[in-house]
Amino acid sequence: MQPKILIIDDEPRIRILLEKILTLDGFIVITAEDYRSGIQKSESENVVVIITDVKLPDGS
């Protein structure tokens, strides 16, 4: 089973770039554009790593 990585970032270009790079490296990537949806996805998915923006508009 491939590891899942969650990327939480409010900037679409950053999310897309990281998703493409990590997918090419064989990871399953899940993305979220804000803190709340990131928390929901982290609770519902079995992620092994979370990459997040330090300053999200709705919390960090």
C-alpha atoms as a PDB file:
ATOM      1  CA  MET A   1       0.000   0.000   0.000  1.00  0.00           C
ATOM      2  CA  GLN A   2       1.331   3.426  -0.933  1.00  0.00           C
ATOM      3  CA  PRO A   3       1.595   6.079   1.800  1.00  0.00           C
ATOM      4  CA  LYS A   4      -0.956   8.910   1.791  1.00  0.00           C
ATOM      5  CA  ILE A   5       0.138  12.513   2.186  1.00  0.00           C
ATOM      6  CA  LEU A   6      -2.229  15.373   2.997  1.00  0.00           C
ATOM      7  CA  ILE A   7      -1.338  18.838   1.695  1.00  0.00           C
ATOM      8  CA  ILE A   8      -3.140  21.784   3.289  1.00  0.00           C
ATOM      9  CA  ASP A   9      -2.499  25.131   1.604  1.00  0.00           C
ATOM     10  CA  ASP A  10      -4.723  28.029   0.602  1.00  0.00           C
ATOM     11  CA  GLU A  11      -2.661  28.768  -2.522  1.00  0.00           C
ATOM     12  CA  PRO A  12      -3.751  26.532  -5.418  1.00  0.00           C
ATOM     13  CA  ARG A  13      -0.426  26.751  -7.262  1.00  0.00           C
ATOM     14  CA  ILE A  14       1.475  25.425  -4.238  1.00  0.00           C
ATOM     15  CA  ARG A  15      -1.023  22.575  -3.716  1.00  0.00           C
ATOM     16  CA  ILE A  16      -0.922  21.564  -7.374  1.00  0.00           C
ATOM     17  CA  LEU A  17       2.874  21.687  -7.590  1.00  0.00           C
ATOM     18  CA  LEU A  18       3.378  19.595  -4.443  1.00  0.00           C
ATOM     19  CA  GLU A  19       0.678  17.149  -5.518  1.00  0.00           C
ATOM     20  CA  LYS A  20       2.320  16.609  -8.924  1.00  0.00           C
ATOM     21  CA  ILE A  21       5.801  16.108  -7.470  1.00  0.00           C
ATOM     22  CA  LEU A  22       4.685  13.710  -4.747  1.00  0.00           C
ATOM     23  CA  THR A  23       2.410  11.748  -7.086  1.00  0.00           C
ATOM     24  CA  LEU A  24       5.315  11.241  -9.486  1.00  0.00           C
ATOM     25  CA  ASP A  25       7.302   9.900  -6.523  1.00  0.00           C
ATOM     26  CA  GLY A  26       4.618   7.269  -5.916  1.00  0.00           C
ATOM     27  CA  PHE A  27       2.615   8.798  -3.070  1.00  0.00           C
ATOM     28  CA  ILE A  28      -1.146   9.054  -2.840  1.00  0.00           C
ATOM     29  CA  VAL A  29      -1.854  12.744  -2.326  1.00  0.00           C
ATOM     30  CA  ILE A  30      -4.933  14.313  -0.773  1.00  0.00           C
ATOM     31  CA  THR A  31      -5.327  18.094  -0.787  1.00  0.00           C
ATOM     32  CA  ALA A  32      -7.292  20.634   1.200  1.00  0.00           C
ATOM     33  CA  GLU A  33      -7.541  24.377   0.703  1.00  0.00           C
ATOM     34  CA  ASP A  34      -8.250  25.368   4.293  1.00  0.00           C
ATOM     35  CA  TYR A  35      -7.717  24.305   7.896  1.00  0.00           C
ATOM     36  CA  ARG A  36     -11.223  22.947   8.495  1.00  0.00           C
ATOM     37  CA  SER A  37     -11.366  20.726   5.439  1.00  0.00           C
ATOM     38  CA  GLY A  38      -7.794  19.636   6.158  1.00  0.00           C
ATOM     39  CA  ILE A  39      -8.775  18.503   9.649  1.00  0.00           C
ATOM     40  CA  GLN A  40     -11.806  16.640   8.282  1.00  0.00           C
ATOM     41  CA  LYS A  41      -9.698  14.865   5.668  1.00  0.00           C
ATOM     42  CA  SER A  42      -6.992  14.006   8.197  1.00  0.00           C
ATOM     43  CA  GLU A  43      -9.616  12.345  10.382  1.00  0.00           C
ATOM     44  CA  SER A  44     -11.294  10.424   7.548  1.00  0.00           C
ATOM     45  CA  GLU A  45      -8.187   9.360   5.602  1.00  0.00           C
ATOM     46  CA  ASN A  46      -5.282   7.261   6.819  1.00  0.00           C
ATOM     47  CA  VAL A  47      -2.519   9.803   6.101  1.00  0.00           C
ATOM     48  CA  VAL A  48       1.059   9.279   7.232  1.00  0.00           C
ATOM     49  CA  VAL A  49       2.302  12.835   6.601  1.00  0.00           C
ATOM     50  CA  ILE A  50       0.637  16.252   6.639  1.00  0.00           C
ATOM     51  CA  ILE A  51       2.272  19.151   4.812  1.00  0.00           C
ATOM     52  CA  THR A  52       0.632  22.440   5.751  1.00  0.00           C
ATOM     53  CA  ASP A  53       0.969  26.158   5.293  1.00  0.00           C
ATOM     54  CA  VAL A  54       1.891  27.767   8.603  1.00  0.00           C
ATOM     55  CA  LYS A  55      -0.440  30.743   8.099  1.00  0.00           C
ATOM     56  CA  LEU A  56      -3.840  29.633   6.896  1.00  0.00           C
ATOM     57  CA  PRO A  57      -6.665  32.208   6.864  1.00  0.00           C
ATOM     58  CA  ASP A  58      -8.947  30.079   9.077  1.00  0.00           C
ATOM     59  CA  GLY A  59      -6.333  28.763  11.517  1.00  0.00           C
ATOM     60  CA  SER A  60      -3.153  26.751  11.677  1.00  0.00           C
END
